[in-house]
C-alpha atoms as a PDB file:
ATOM      1  CA  UNK A   1     -24.087   8.024 -28.055  1.00  0.00           C
ATOM      2  CA  UNK A   2     -22.536  11.238 -26.237  1.00  0.00           C
ATOM      3  CA  UNK A   3     -19.773   9.109 -24.676  1.00  0.00           C
ATOM      4  CA  UNK A   4     -18.881   7.878 -28.305  1.00  0.00           C
ATOM      5  CA  UNK A   5     -18.607  11.436 -29.655  1.00  0.00           C
ATOM      6  CA  UNK A   6     -16.462  12.568 -26.777  1.00  0.00           C
ATOM      7  CA  UNK A   7     -14.087   9.493 -27.308  1.00  0.00           C
ATOM      8  CA  UNK A   8     -13.456  10.291 -30.970  1.00  0.00           C
ATOM      9  CA  UNK A   9     -11.863  13.510 -30.020  1.00  0.00           C
ATOM     10  CA  UNK A  10     -10.445  12.578 -26.650  1.00  0.00           C
ATOM     11  CA  UNK A  11      -7.481  10.418 -25.775  1.00  0.00           C
ATOM     12  CA  UNK A  12      -7.632   9.024 -22.316  1.00  0.00           C
ATOM     13  CA  UNK A  13      -4.868  10.347 -20.141  1.00  0.00           C
ATOM     14  CA  UNK A  14      -3.117   9.346 -16.800  1.00  0.00           C
ATOM     15  CA  UNK A  15      -2.091  11.955 -14.543  1.00  0.00           C
ATOM     16  CA  UNK A  16       1.015  12.112 -11.865  1.00  0.00           C
ATOM     17  CA  UNK A  17      -0.302  14.977  -9.937  1.00  0.00           C
ATOM     18  CA  UNK A  18       2.857  15.703  -8.130  1.00  0.00           C
ATOM     19  CA  UNK A  19       3.667  18.444  -5.419  1.00  0.00           C
ATOM     20  CA  UNK A  20       6.821  19.237  -7.572  1.00  0.00           C
ATOM     21  CA  UNK A  21       5.850  18.085 -11.173  1.00  0.00           C
ATOM     22  CA  UNK A  22       2.792  17.028 -13.206  1.00  0.00           C
ATOM     23  CA  UNK A  23       3.599  14.375 -15.722  1.00  0.00           C
ATOM     24  CA  UNK A  24       0.633  13.311 -18.291  1.00  0.00           C
ATOM     25  CA  UNK A  25       0.413   9.956 -20.127  1.00  0.00           C
ATOM     26  CA  UNK A  26      -1.443  10.019 -23.289  1.00  0.00           C
ATOM     27  CA  UNK A  27      -2.991   6.970 -24.505  1.00  0.00           C
ATOM     28  CA  UNK A  28      -0.993   5.247 -27.224  1.00  0.00           C
ATOM     29  CA  UNK A  29       1.810   7.910 -27.189  1.00  0.00           C
ATOM     30  CA  UNK A  30       3.102   7.571 -23.469  1.00  0.00           C
ATOM     31  CA  UNK A  31       4.533  10.314 -21.706  1.00  0.00           C
ATOM     32  CA  UNK A  32       3.828  13.604 -23.478  1.00  0.00           C
ATOM     33  CA  UNK A  33       4.334  16.345 -20.767  1.00  0.00           C
ATOM     34  CA  UNK A  34       6.357  16.899 -17.775  1.00  0.00           C
ATOM     35  CA  UNK A  35       6.118  20.269 -16.220  1.00  0.00           C
ATOM     36  CA  UNK A  36       6.240  21.933 -12.714  1.00  0.00           C
ATOM     37  CA  UNK A  37       3.203  22.036 -10.694  1.00  0.00           C
ATOM     38  CA  UNK A  38       3.335  25.721 -10.233  1.00  0.00           C
ATOM     39  CA  UNK A  39       0.779  28.441 -11.079  1.00  0.00           C
ATOM     40  CA  UNK A  40       1.341  32.068 -11.138  1.00  0.00           C
ATOM     41  CA  UNK A  41      -1.825  33.986  -9.891  1.00  0.00           C
ATOM     42  CA  UNK A  42      -2.567  37.670 -10.070  1.00  0.00           C
ATOM     43  CA  UNK A  43      -5.038  38.587  -7.202  1.00  0.00           C
ATOM     44  CA  UNK A  44      -7.396  41.369  -7.683  1.00  0.00           C
ATOM     45  CA  UNK A  45      -9.373  41.870  -4.334  1.00  0.00           C
ATOM     46  CA  UNK A  46     -11.403  38.542  -4.294  1.00  0.00           C
ATOM     47  CA  UNK A  47     -10.604  37.310  -7.840  1.00  0.00           C
ATOM     48  CA  UNK A  48      -7.693  35.057  -8.837  1.00  0.00           C
ATOM     49  CA  UNK A  49      -6.502  35.588 -12.607  1.00  0.00           C
ATOM     50  CA  UNK A  50      -3.923  32.840 -13.624  1.00  0.00           C
ATOM     51  CA  UNK A  51      -1.274  34.475 -15.410  1.00  0.00           C
ATOM     52  CA  UNK A  52       1.200  31.520 -16.337  1.00  0.00           C
ATOM     53  CA  UNK A  53       1.297  27.739 -15.453  1.00  0.00           C
ATOM     54  CA  UNK A  54       4.083  25.050 -15.609  1.00  0.00           C
ATOM     55  CA  UNK A  55       7.572  25.948 -16.703  1.00  0.00           C
ATOM     56  CA  UNK A  56       6.805  29.634 -17.219  1.00  0.00           C
ATOM     57  CA  UNK A  57       5.362  30.012 -13.665  1.00  0.00           C
ATOM     58  CA  UNK A  58       8.305  28.190 -12.106  1.00  0.00           C
ATOM     59  CA  UNK A  59      10.739  30.736 -13.287  1.00  0.00           C
ATOM     60  CA  UNK A  60       8.730  33.334 -11.419  1.00  0.00           C
ATOM     61  CA  UNK A  61       8.921  31.606  -8.072  1.00  0.00           C
ATOM     62  CA  UNK A  62      10.221  34.059  -5.765  1.00  0.00           C
ATOM     63  CA  UNK A  63      10.781  36.699  -8.393  1.00  0.00           C
ATOM     64  CA  UNK A  64       7.231  38.075  -8.655  1.00  0.00           C
ATOM     65  CA  UNK A  65       6.009  41.749  -7.664  1.00  0.00           C
ATOM     66  CA  UNK A  66       3.455  42.096  -5.175  1.00  0.00           C
ATOM     67  CA  UNK A  67       0.316  41.728  -6.902  1.00  0.00           C
ATOM     68  CA  UNK A  68       1.470  38.461  -8.760  1.00  0.00           C
ATOM     69  CA  UNK A  69       2.070  35.038  -6.828  1.00  0.00           C
ATOM     70  CA  UNK A  70       3.916  31.987  -7.871  1.00  0.00           C
ATOM     71  CA  UNK A  71       2.118  29.212  -6.101  1.00  0.00           C
ATOM     72  CA  UNK A  72       2.291  25.566  -5.566  1.00  0.00           C
ATOM     73  CA  UNK A  73      -1.438  24.392  -5.650  1.00  0.00           C
ATOM     74  CA  UNK A  74      -0.450  21.145  -3.993  1.00  0.00           C
ATOM     75  CA  UNK A  75       1.524  20.836  -0.736  1.00  0.00           C
ATOM     76  CA  UNK A  76       2.739  17.505   0.449  1.00  0.00           C
ATOM     77  CA  UNK A  77       0.783  15.639  -2.237  1.00  0.00           C
ATOM     78  CA  UNK A  78      -2.571  17.134  -1.407  1.00  0.00           C
ATOM     79  CA  UNK A  79      -4.596  19.946  -2.943  1.00  0.00           C
ATOM     80  CA  UNK A  80      -3.949  23.164  -1.119  1.00  0.00           C
ATOM     81  CA  UNK A  81      -5.868  25.259  -3.587  1.00  0.00           C
ATOM     82  CA  UNK A  82      -8.883  23.666  -5.402  1.00  0.00           C
ATOM     83  CA  UNK A  83      -9.577  26.395  -7.716  1.00  0.00           C
ATOM     84  CA  UNK A  84      -5.934  27.018  -8.835  1.00  0.00           C
ATOM     85  CA  UNK A  85      -5.412  22.998  -9.178  1.00  0.00           C
ATOM     86  CA  UNK A  86      -8.546  22.856 -11.385  1.00  0.00           C
ATOM     87  CA  UNK A  87      -7.155  25.571 -13.639  1.00  0.00           C
ATOM     88  CA  UNK A  88      -3.924  23.827 -13.931  1.00  0.00           C
ATOM     89  CA  UNK A  89      -5.425  20.426 -14.797  1.00  0.00           C
ATOM     90  CA  UNK A  90      -7.564  22.068 -17.562  1.00  0.00           C
ATOM     91  CA  UNK A  91      -4.713  23.921 -18.871  1.00  0.00           C
ATOM     92  CA  UNK A  92      -2.671  20.463 -19.268  1.00  0.00           C
ATOM     93  CA  UNK A  93      -5.534  18.656 -20.455  1.00  0.00           C
ATOM     94  CA  UNK A  94      -5.878  20.997 -23.413  1.00  0.00           C
ATOM     95  CA  UNK A  95      -2.268  21.256 -23.900  1.00  0.00           C
ATOM     96  CA  UNK A  96      -2.048  17.621 -24.645  1.00  0.00           C
ATOM     97  CA  UNK A  97      -4.962  17.648 -26.938  1.00  0.00           C
ATOM     98  CA  UNK A  98      -3.701  20.862 -28.985  1.00  0.00           C
ATOM     99  CA  UNK A  99      -6.036  23.401 -27.158  1.00  0.00           C
ATOM    100  CA  UNK A 100      -9.351  21.492 -28.287  1.00  0.00           C
ATOM    101  CA  UNK A 101     -12.496  22.076 -26.496  1.00  0.00           C
ATOM    102  CA  UNK A 102     -14.059  18.928 -27.465  1.00  0.00           C
ATOM    103  CA  UNK A 103     -12.094  17.096 -24.983  1.00  0.00           C
ATOM    104  CA  UNK A 104     -13.820  14.859 -22.343  1.00  0.00           C
ATOM    105  CA  UNK A 105     -11.141  12.269 -21.514  1.00  0.00           C
ATOM    106  CA  UNK A 106     -11.148   9.291 -19.168  1.00  0.00           C
ATOM    107  CA  UNK A 107      -8.406  10.250 -16.679  1.00  0.00           C
ATOM    108  CA  UNK A 108      -6.584   8.167 -14.037  1.00  0.00           C
ATOM    109  CA  UNK A 109      -4.899  10.402 -11.299  1.00  0.00           C
ATOM    110  CA  UNK A 110      -2.406   8.961  -8.753  1.00  0.00           C
ATOM    111  CA  UNK A 111      -2.886   9.945  -5.157  1.00  0.00           C
ATOM    112  CA  UNK A 112      -0.637   9.423  -2.132  1.00  0.00           C
ATOM    113  CA  UNK A 113      -1.540   6.166  -0.127  1.00  0.00           C
ATOM    114  CA  UNK A 114      -1.954   8.196   2.966  1.00  0.00           C
ATOM    115  CA  UNK A 115      -4.652  10.661   1.995  1.00  0.00           C
ATOM    116  CA  UNK A 116      -8.230  10.767   3.386  1.00  0.00           C
ATOM    117  CA  UNK A 117     -11.476  10.322   1.641  1.00  0.00           C
ATOM    118  CA  UNK A 118     -11.928  13.971   1.633  1.00  0.00           C
ATOM    119  CA  UNK A 119      -8.530  14.934  -0.079  1.00  0.00           C
ATOM    120  CA  UNK A 120      -9.330  11.986  -2.599  1.00  0.00           C
ATOM    121  CA  UNK A 121     -12.720  13.437  -3.386  1.00  0.00           C
ATOM    122  CA  UNK A 122     -11.014  16.766  -3.759  1.00  0.00           C
ATOM    123  CA  UNK A 123      -8.707  15.047  -6.610  1.00  0.00           C
ATOM    124  CA  UNK A 124     -11.757  13.509  -8.128  1.00  0.00           C
ATOM    125  CA  UNK A 125     -13.880  16.707  -8.379  1.00  0.00           C
ATOM    126  CA  UNK A 126     -10.827  18.862  -9.637  1.00  0.00           C
ATOM    127  CA  UNK A 127     -10.255  16.382 -12.627  1.00  0.00           C
ATOM    128  CA  UNK A 128     -14.035  16.161 -13.367  1.00  0.00           C
ATOM    129  CA  UNK A 129     -14.383  19.969 -13.123  1.00  0.00           C
ATOM    130  CA  UNK A 130     -11.478  20.369 -15.379  1.00  0.00           C
ATOM    131  CA  UNK A 131     -13.361  18.347 -18.123  1.00  0.00           C
ATOM    132  CA  UNK A 132     -12.677  14.581 -17.442  1.00  0.00           C
ATOM    133  CA  UNK A 133     -15.735  12.493 -18.257  1.00  0.00           C
ATOM    134  CA  UNK A 134     -14.679   9.589 -16.048  1.00  0.00           C
ATOM    135  CA  UNK A 135     -12.013   9.933 -13.276  1.00  0.00           C
ATOM    136  CA  UNK A 136     -10.387   6.844 -11.652  1.00  0.00           C
ATOM    137  CA  UNK A 137      -7.740   7.270  -8.677  1.00  0.00           C
ATOM    138  CA  UNK A 138      -4.814   4.843  -8.208  1.00  0.00           C
ATOM    139  CA  UNK A 139      -2.588   4.692  -5.029  1.00  0.00           C
ATOM    140  CA  UNK A 140       1.062   6.326  -5.602  1.00  0.00           C
ATOM    141  CA  UNK A 141       2.991   3.027  -4.603  1.00  0.00           C
ATOM    142  CA  UNK A 142       0.902   0.822  -6.938  1.00  0.00           C
ATOM    143  CA  UNK A 143       1.475   3.268  -9.834  1.00  0.00           C
ATOM    144  CA  UNK A 144       4.943   3.436  -8.974  1.00  0.00           C
ATOM    145  CA  UNK A 145       5.303  -0.475  -8.867  1.00  0.00           C
ATOM    146  CA  UNK A 146       3.654  -0.874 -12.150  1.00  0.00           C
ATOM    147  CA  UNK A 147       6.129   1.999 -13.777  1.00  0.00           C
ATOM    148  CA  UNK A 148       9.026   0.297 -12.351  1.00  0.00           C
ATOM    149  CA  UNK A 149       8.257  -3.075 -13.994  1.00  0.00           C
ATOM    150  CA  UNK A 150       7.380  -5.052 -10.607  1.00  0.00           C
ATOM    151  CA  UNK A 151       4.979  -7.967 -10.891  1.00  0.00           C
ATOM    152  CA  UNK A 152       2.247  -6.627  -8.541  1.00  0.00           C
ATOM    153  CA  UNK A 153      -0.366  -9.094  -9.503  1.00  0.00           C
ATOM    154  CA  UNK A 154       1.743 -12.129  -8.425  1.00  0.00           C
ATOM    155  CA  UNK A 155       1.934 -13.790  -5.214  1.00  0.00           C
ATOM    156  CA  UNK A 156       5.416 -12.335  -4.382  1.00  0.00           C
ATOM    157  CA  UNK A 157       6.377  -9.575  -2.297  1.00  0.00           C
ATOM    158  CA  UNK A 158       7.505  -6.386  -4.219  1.00  0.00           C
ATOM    159  CA  UNK A 159       8.599  -3.378  -2.040  1.00  0.00           C
ATOM    160  CA  UNK A 160       8.557   0.374  -3.561  1.00  0.00           C
ATOM    161  CA  UNK A 161       9.562   3.426  -2.204  1.00  0.00           C
ATOM    162  CA  UNK A 162       8.604   6.476  -3.994  1.00  0.00           C
ATOM    163  CA  UNK A 163      10.325   9.586  -2.786  1.00  0.00           C
ATOM    164  CA  UNK A 164       8.406  12.654  -4.538  1.00  0.00           C
ATOM    165  CA  UNK A 165       8.486  16.210  -3.791  1.00  0.00           C
ATOM    166  CA  UNK A 166       5.626  16.208  -0.939  1.00  0.00           C
ATOM    167  CA  UNK A 167       5.376  12.636   0.162  1.00  0.00           C
ATOM    168  CA  UNK A 168       7.719   9.644   0.432  1.00  0.00           C
ATOM    169  CA  UNK A 169       5.336   6.364  -0.134  1.00  0.00           C
ATOM    170  CA  UNK A 170       6.743   2.972   1.151  1.00  0.00           C
ATOM    171  CA  UNK A 171       4.879  -0.124   0.207  1.00  0.00           C
ATOM    172  CA  UNK A 172       5.031  -3.907   0.203  1.00  0.00           C
ATOM    173  CA  UNK A 173       2.712  -5.297  -2.646  1.00  0.00           C
ATOM    174  CA  UNK A 174       1.621  -8.750  -3.481  1.00  0.00           C
ATOM    175  CA  UNK A 175      -1.401 -10.128  -5.440  1.00  0.00           C
ATOM    176  CA  UNK A 176      -2.437  -6.698  -6.587  1.00  0.00           C
ATOM    177  CA  UNK A 177      -2.916  -5.288  -3.036  1.00  0.00           C
ATOM    178  CA  UNK A 178      -0.731  -3.025  -0.416  1.00  0.00           C
ATOM    179  CA  UNK A 179       0.131  -5.511   2.304  1.00  0.00           C
ATOM    180  CA  UNK A 180       1.986  -2.962   4.516  1.00  0.00           C
ATOM    181  CA  UNK A 181       2.543   0.574   3.731  1.00  0.00           C
ATOM    182  CA  UNK A 182       3.454   4.158   4.974  1.00  0.00           C
ATOM    183  CA  UNK A 183       3.234   7.507   3.610  1.00  0.00           C
ATOM    184  CA  UNK A 184       5.076  10.399   5.173  1.00  0.00           C
ATOM    185  CA  UNK A 185       5.296  13.974   4.430  1.00  0.00           C
ATOM    186  CA  UNK A 186       8.918  13.948   4.298  1.00  0.00           C
ATOM    187  CA  UNK A 187      10.464  14.019   0.698  1.00  0.00           C
ATOM    188  CA  UNK A 188      12.160  16.436  -2.045  1.00  0.00           C
ATOM    189  CA  UNK A 189      10.663  19.474  -0.481  1.00  0.00           C
ATOM    190  CA  UNK A 190      11.640  18.638   3.138  1.00  0.00           C
ATOM    191  CA  UNK A 191      15.314  18.145   1.849  1.00  0.00           C
ATOM    192  CA  UNK A 192      15.366  21.477   0.100  1.00  0.00           C
ATOM    193  CA  UNK A 193      13.957  22.982   3.309  1.00  0.00           C
ATOM    194  CA  UNK A 194      16.768  21.451   5.328  1.00  0.00           C
ATOM    195  CA  UNK A 195      19.331  22.893   3.140  1.00  0.00           C
ATOM    196  CA  UNK A 196      17.992  26.182   3.430  1.00  0.00           C
ATOM    197  CA  UNK A 197      17.912  26.321   7.151  1.00  0.00           C
ATOM    198  CA  UNK A 198      21.361  24.931   7.332  1.00  0.00           C
ATOM    199  CA  UNK A 199      22.898  27.650   5.078  1.00  0.00           C
ATOM    200  CA  UNK A 200      20.813  30.138   7.161  1.00  0.00           C
ATOM    201  CA  UNK A 201      22.240  28.879  10.411  1.00  0.00           C
ATOM    202  CA  UNK A 202      25.723  28.325   9.480  1.00  0.00           C
ATOM    203  CA  UNK A 203      26.365  31.226   7.084  1.00  0.00           C
ATOM    204  CA  UNK A 204      23.625  33.859   7.991  1.00  0.00           C
ATOM    205  CA  UNK A 205      22.770  33.701   4.178  1.00  0.00           C
ATOM    206  CA  UNK A 206      19.147  33.493   2.729  1.00  0.00           C
ATOM    207  CA  UNK A 207      18.774  31.122  -0.396  1.00  0.00           C
ATOM    208  CA  UNK A 208      15.650  30.409  -2.045  1.00  0.00           C
ATOM    209  CA  UNK A 209      13.605  27.092  -2.884  1.00  0.00           C
ATOM    210  CA  UNK A 210      15.054  26.838  -6.431  1.00  0.00           C
ATOM    211  CA  UNK A 211      18.746  27.364  -5.049  1.00  0.00           C
ATOM    212  CA  UNK A 212      18.328  24.680  -2.639  1.00  0.00           C
ATOM    213  CA  UNK A 213      16.940  22.430  -5.413  1.00  0.00           C
ATOM    214  CA  UNK A 214      20.083  23.111  -7.506  1.00  0.00           C
ATOM    215  CA  UNK A 215      22.470  22.333  -4.435  1.00  0.00           C
ATOM    216  CA  UNK A 216      20.528  19.049  -3.799  1.00  0.00           C
ATOM    217  CA  UNK A 217      20.865  17.958  -7.427  1.00  0.00           C
ATOM    218  CA  UNK A 218      24.376  18.887  -8.072  1.00  0.00           C
ATOM    219  CA  UNK A 219      26.151  18.219  -4.691  1.00  0.00           C
ATOM    220  CA  UNK A 220      23.573  16.354  -2.685  1.00  0.00           C
ATOM    221  CA  UNK A 221      25.210  13.089  -1.292  1.00  0.00           C
ATOM    222  CA  UNK A 222      24.474  10.859   1.563  1.00  0.00           C
ATOM    223  CA  UNK A 223      27.951   9.546   1.555  1.00  0.00           C
ATOM    224  CA  UNK A 224      30.321  12.286   0.298  1.00  0.00           C
ATOM    225  CA  UNK A 225      33.847  11.225  -0.141  1.00  0.00           C
ATOM    226  CA  UNK A 226      37.014  13.329  -0.127  1.00  0.00           C
ATOM    227  CA  UNK A 227      37.915  15.212  -2.241  1.00  0.00           C
ATOM    228  CA  UNK A 228      34.280  16.704  -1.399  1.00  0.00           C
ATOM    229  CA  UNK A 229      32.475  18.539  -4.403  1.00  0.00           C
ATOM    230  CA  UNK A 230      31.868  22.183  -3.881  1.00  0.00           C
ATOM    231  CA  UNK A 231      29.565  24.745  -5.638  1.00  0.00           C
ATOM    232  CA  UNK A 232      29.353  28.423  -5.311  1.00  0.00           C
ATOM    233  CA  UNK A 233      25.915  29.810  -4.261  1.00  0.00           C
ATOM    234  CA  UNK A 234      24.382  33.220  -4.119  1.00  0.00           C
ATOM    235  CA  UNK A 235      21.966  34.747  -1.646  1.00  0.00           C
ATOM    236  CA  UNK A 236      21.356  37.553   0.794  1.00  0.00           C
ATOM    237  CA  UNK A 237      23.318  38.269   3.977  1.00  0.00           C
ATOM    238  CA  UNK A 238      20.827  38.425   6.761  1.00  0.00           C
ATOM    239  CA  UNK A 239      23.420  40.758   8.873  1.00  0.00           C
ATOM    240  CA  UNK A 240      24.249  43.261   5.927  1.00  0.00           C
ATOM    241  CA  UNK A 241      21.147  42.674   3.715  1.00  0.00           C
ATOM    242  CA  UNK A 242      23.376  42.734   0.589  1.00  0.00           C
ATOM    243  CA  UNK A 243      23.936  39.899  -1.971  1.00  0.00           C
ATOM    244  CA  UNK A 244      26.808  37.367  -1.083  1.00  0.00           C
ATOM    245  CA  UNK A 245      28.353  34.524  -2.494  1.00  0.00           C
ATOM    246  CA  UNK A 246      29.764  31.663  -0.762  1.00  0.00           C
ATOM    247  CA  UNK A 247      31.250  28.068  -1.416  1.00  0.00           C
ATOM    248  CA  UNK A 248      29.772  24.930   0.002  1.00  0.00           C
ATOM    249  CA  UNK A 249      30.752  21.254   0.244  1.00  0.00           C
ATOM    250  CA  UNK A 250      28.807  18.006  -0.323  1.00  0.00           C
ATOM    251  CA  UNK A 251      30.016  17.199   3.197  1.00  0.00           C
ATOM    252  CA  UNK A 252      28.049  20.243   4.589  1.00  0.00           C
ATOM    253  CA  UNK A 253      24.889  19.215   2.404  1.00  0.00           C
ATOM    254  CA  UNK A 254      25.232  15.589   3.837  1.00  0.00           C
ATOM    255  CA  UNK A 255      24.888  17.274   7.247  1.00  0.00           C
ATOM    256  CA  UNK A 256      22.076  19.413   6.318  1.00  0.00           C
ATOM    257  CA  UNK A 257      19.891  16.741   4.890  1.00  0.00           C
ATOM    258  CA  UNK A 258      20.776  13.995   7.418  1.00  0.00           C
ATOM    259  CA  UNK A 259      17.674  14.316   9.655  1.00  0.00           C
ATOM    260  CA  UNK A 260      14.966  13.797   6.823  1.00  0.00           C
ATOM    261  CA  UNK A 261      17.093  11.064   5.093  1.00  0.00           C
ATOM    262  CA  UNK A 262      17.046   9.454   8.370  1.00  0.00           C
ATOM    263  CA  UNK A 263      13.293   9.791   8.828  1.00  0.00           C
ATOM    264  CA  UNK A 264      12.858   8.128   5.211  1.00  0.00           C
ATOM    265  CA  UNK A 265      15.110   5.361   6.235  1.00  0.00           C
ATOM    266  CA  UNK A 266      13.300   4.722   9.540  1.00  0.00           C
ATOM    267  CA  UNK A 267       9.909   4.463   7.541  1.00  0.00           C
ATOM    268  CA  UNK A 268      11.484   1.804   5.399  1.00  0.00           C
ATOM    269  CA  UNK A 269      12.509  -0.221   8.582  1.00  0.00           C
ATOM    270  CA  UNK A 270       9.037   0.327   9.944  1.00  0.00           C
ATOM    271  CA  UNK A 271       7.236  -0.972   7.040  1.00  0.00           C
ATOM    272  CA  UNK A 272       9.528  -4.002   6.755  1.00  0.00           C
ATOM    273  CA  UNK A 273       8.754  -5.037  10.578  1.00  0.00           C
ATOM    274  CA  UNK A 274       5.052  -5.054   9.641  1.00  0.00           C
ATOM    275  CA  UNK A 275       5.483  -7.388   6.557  1.00  0.00           C
ATOM    276  CA  UNK A 276       4.490 -10.856   6.995  1.00  0.00           C
ATOM    277  CA  UNK A 277       7.286 -13.295   7.431  1.00  0.00           C
ATOM    278  CA  UNK A 278       6.536 -15.343   4.038  1.00  0.00           C
ATOM    279  CA  UNK A 279       6.727 -11.916   2.037  1.00  0.00           C
ATOM    280  CA  UNK A 280       9.593 -10.978   4.010  1.00  0.00           C
ATOM    281  CA  UNK A 281      11.468 -13.987   2.717  1.00  0.00           C
ATOM    282  CA  UNK A 282      10.689 -13.169  -0.774  1.00  0.00           C
ATOM    283  CA  UNK A 283      12.516  -9.191  -0.210  1.00  0.00           C
ATOM    284  CA  UNK A 284      15.831 -11.019   0.823  1.00  0.00           C
ATOM    285  CA  UNK A 285      16.107 -11.968  -2.933  1.00  0.00           C
ATOM    286  CA  UNK A 286      14.064  -9.471  -4.585  1.00  0.00           C
ATOM    287  CA  UNK A 287      15.192  -6.394  -2.518  1.00  0.00           C
ATOM    288  CA  UNK A 288      13.778  -2.865  -2.541  1.00  0.00           C
ATOM    289  CA  UNK A 289      12.919  -0.634  -5.491  1.00  0.00           C
ATOM    290  CA  UNK A 290      13.382   2.989  -5.448  1.00  0.00           C
ATOM    291  CA  UNK A 291      11.405   5.720  -7.524  1.00  0.00           C
ATOM    292  CA  UNK A 292      10.404   9.126  -7.484  1.00  0.00           C
ATOM    293  CA  UNK A 293      13.055  12.205  -8.147  1.00  0.00           C
ATOM    294  CA  UNK A 294      14.305  11.706  -4.449  1.00  0.00           C
ATOM    295  CA  UNK A 295      15.934   8.044  -5.716  1.00  0.00           C
ATOM    296  CA  UNK A 296      18.444  10.180  -7.633  1.00  0.00           C
ATOM    297  CA  UNK A 297      20.099  11.553  -4.717  1.00  0.00           C
ATOM    298  CA  UNK A 298      23.539  10.069  -4.599  1.00  0.00           C
ATOM    299  CA  UNK A 299      24.332   7.156  -2.661  1.00  0.00           C
ATOM    300  CA  UNK A 300      20.836   6.971  -1.243  1.00  0.00           C
ATOM    301  CA  UNK A 301      20.455   3.240  -2.535  1.00  0.00           C
ATOM    302  CA  UNK A 302      23.786   2.418  -0.624  1.00  0.00           C
ATOM    303  CA  UNK A 303      22.355   3.886   2.697  1.00  0.00           C
ATOM    304  CA  UNK A 304      19.189   2.144   2.552  1.00  0.00           C
ATOM    305  CA  UNK A 305      20.992  -1.236   1.626  1.00  0.00           C
ATOM    306  CA  UNK A 306      23.356  -0.925   4.622  1.00  0.00           C
ATOM    307  CA  UNK A 307      20.438   0.014   6.969  1.00  0.00           C
ATOM    308  CA  UNK A 308      17.989  -2.836   5.921  1.00  0.00           C
ATOM    309  CA  UNK A 309      20.549  -5.507   4.817  1.00  0.00           C
ATOM    310  CA  UNK A 310      18.527  -5.764   1.414  1.00  0.00           C
ATOM    311  CA  UNK A 311      19.623  -5.252  -2.099  1.00  0.00           C
ATOM    312  CA  UNK A 312      18.232  -1.730  -3.209  1.00  0.00           C
ATOM    313  CA  UNK A 313      17.937  -0.884  -6.902  1.00  0.00           C
ATOM    314  CA  UNK A 314      17.045   2.504  -8.345  1.00  0.00           C
ATOM    315  CA  UNK A 315      14.200   2.247 -10.984  1.00  0.00           C
ATOM    316  CA  UNK A 316      15.285   2.619 -14.692  1.00  0.00           C
ATOM    317  CA  UNK A 317      13.634   6.231 -15.114  1.00  0.00           C
ATOM    318  CA  UNK A 318      12.756   7.114 -11.409  1.00  0.00           C
ATOM    319  CA  UNK A 319      11.110  10.340 -12.351  1.00  0.00           C
ATOM    320  CA  UNK A 320       8.338   8.850 -14.492  1.00  0.00           C
ATOM    321  CA  UNK A 321       7.428   5.643 -12.788  1.00  0.00           C
ATOM    322  CA  UNK A 322       4.325   7.061 -11.265  1.00  0.00           C
ATOM    323  CA  UNK A 323       3.202   8.473 -14.600  1.00  0.00           C
ATOM    324  CA  UNK A 324       4.082   5.493 -16.385  1.00  0.00           C
ATOM    325  CA  UNK A 325       2.530   2.980 -14.166  1.00  0.00           C
ATOM    326  CA  UNK A 326      -0.849   4.884 -13.960  1.00  0.00           C
ATOM    327  CA  UNK A 327      -0.710   4.963 -17.650  1.00  0.00           C
ATOM    328  CA  UNK A 328       0.034   1.250 -17.902  1.00  0.00           C
ATOM    329  CA  UNK A 329      -2.987   0.642 -15.741  1.00  0.00           C
ATOM    330  CA  UNK A 330      -5.034   2.923 -17.996  1.00  0.00           C
ATOM    331  CA  UNK A 331      -4.133   0.816 -20.994  1.00  0.00           C
ATOM    332  CA  UNK A 332      -5.298  -2.371 -19.123  1.00  0.00           C
ATOM    333  CA  UNK A 333      -8.251  -1.022 -17.274  1.00  0.00           C
ATOM    334  CA  UNK A 334     -10.539  -4.008 -17.761  1.00  0.00           C
ATOM    335  CA  UNK A 335      -7.623  -6.125 -15.995  1.00  0.00           C
ATOM    336  CA  UNK A 336      -6.550  -3.624 -13.228  1.00  0.00           C
ATOM    337  CA  UNK A 337      -9.879  -1.843 -12.394  1.00  0.00           C
ATOM    338  CA  UNK A 338      -9.805  -3.878  -8.986  1.00  0.00           C
ATOM    339  CA  UNK A 339      -6.753  -1.946  -7.928  1.00  0.00           C
ATOM    340  CA  UNK A 340      -8.363   1.434  -8.499  1.00  0.00           C
ATOM    341  CA  UNK A 341      -9.589   3.322  -5.355  1.00  0.00           C
ATOM    342  CA  UNK A 342     -13.325   3.280  -4.720  1.00  0.00           C
ATOM    343  CA  UNK A 343     -14.836   6.352  -3.622  1.00  0.00           C
END
């Protein structure tokens, strides 16, 4: 009876709880929210007070006074701060339900395939504490494959590479299950970090995370060609301590991000080596599908294709694949219940 009552007020949700962004799929409406997974917290002794969440909090990253901290409650795909994550999920649930408090939705949350039982339980409990009446978990590569339109329940191999903010998920899927996979903590954030370190090393200039991300989006390219793209960046000179502006090229950024990109390509090759021969034969024709924000890095598909000898395509809207796939799984819960994670 109570279940029916809550169902009247609550539409079921699918959440892609990402290290960089949180996306929410609302039953019957599609993806209706995409906000940074950032929370601004005011610390007063032992107590934490949430000041801002999402877009507003992201604008505060690296710019807050001492008592306020803009934090990312998820690091490398897992919950780093349980309390803040719960507050963030609750805020997003209420935001999509127009601030209604009579909300107890069923929720599907995507988790990286390399997470432990303890980490998965933390995600489940976090969603339950935030007001979910039932919580299902789905592995990110499965959700990404569904969102990219791959036929995961058929007896053919589908290979997905989901490059998010905190993790890169590589998986070969057949008959609704993962046949071979690997999850590494090298993705968008590590690429940003590599850019920060390179500029610090080469120019004695300190830049923030947000600037590094802008550089990656604007001129990041794994196969830059002359004339190289250039970009003006501002930071703090480590010698004089005063602000300084320099111009960098896409060739320099290729050099900066070479190592994390190489490690992602190596992981893809390792998963291909573990794939049974019958399924490997399918991949010769069907190739590899890239999803996640990292899939948008210029020429990454070309580099992976050259390294593996397989055709590589970028999913239609790579940024929303995981949320869309989790949403489709939610809409077909009776058929796809078997692919959910049991805890």
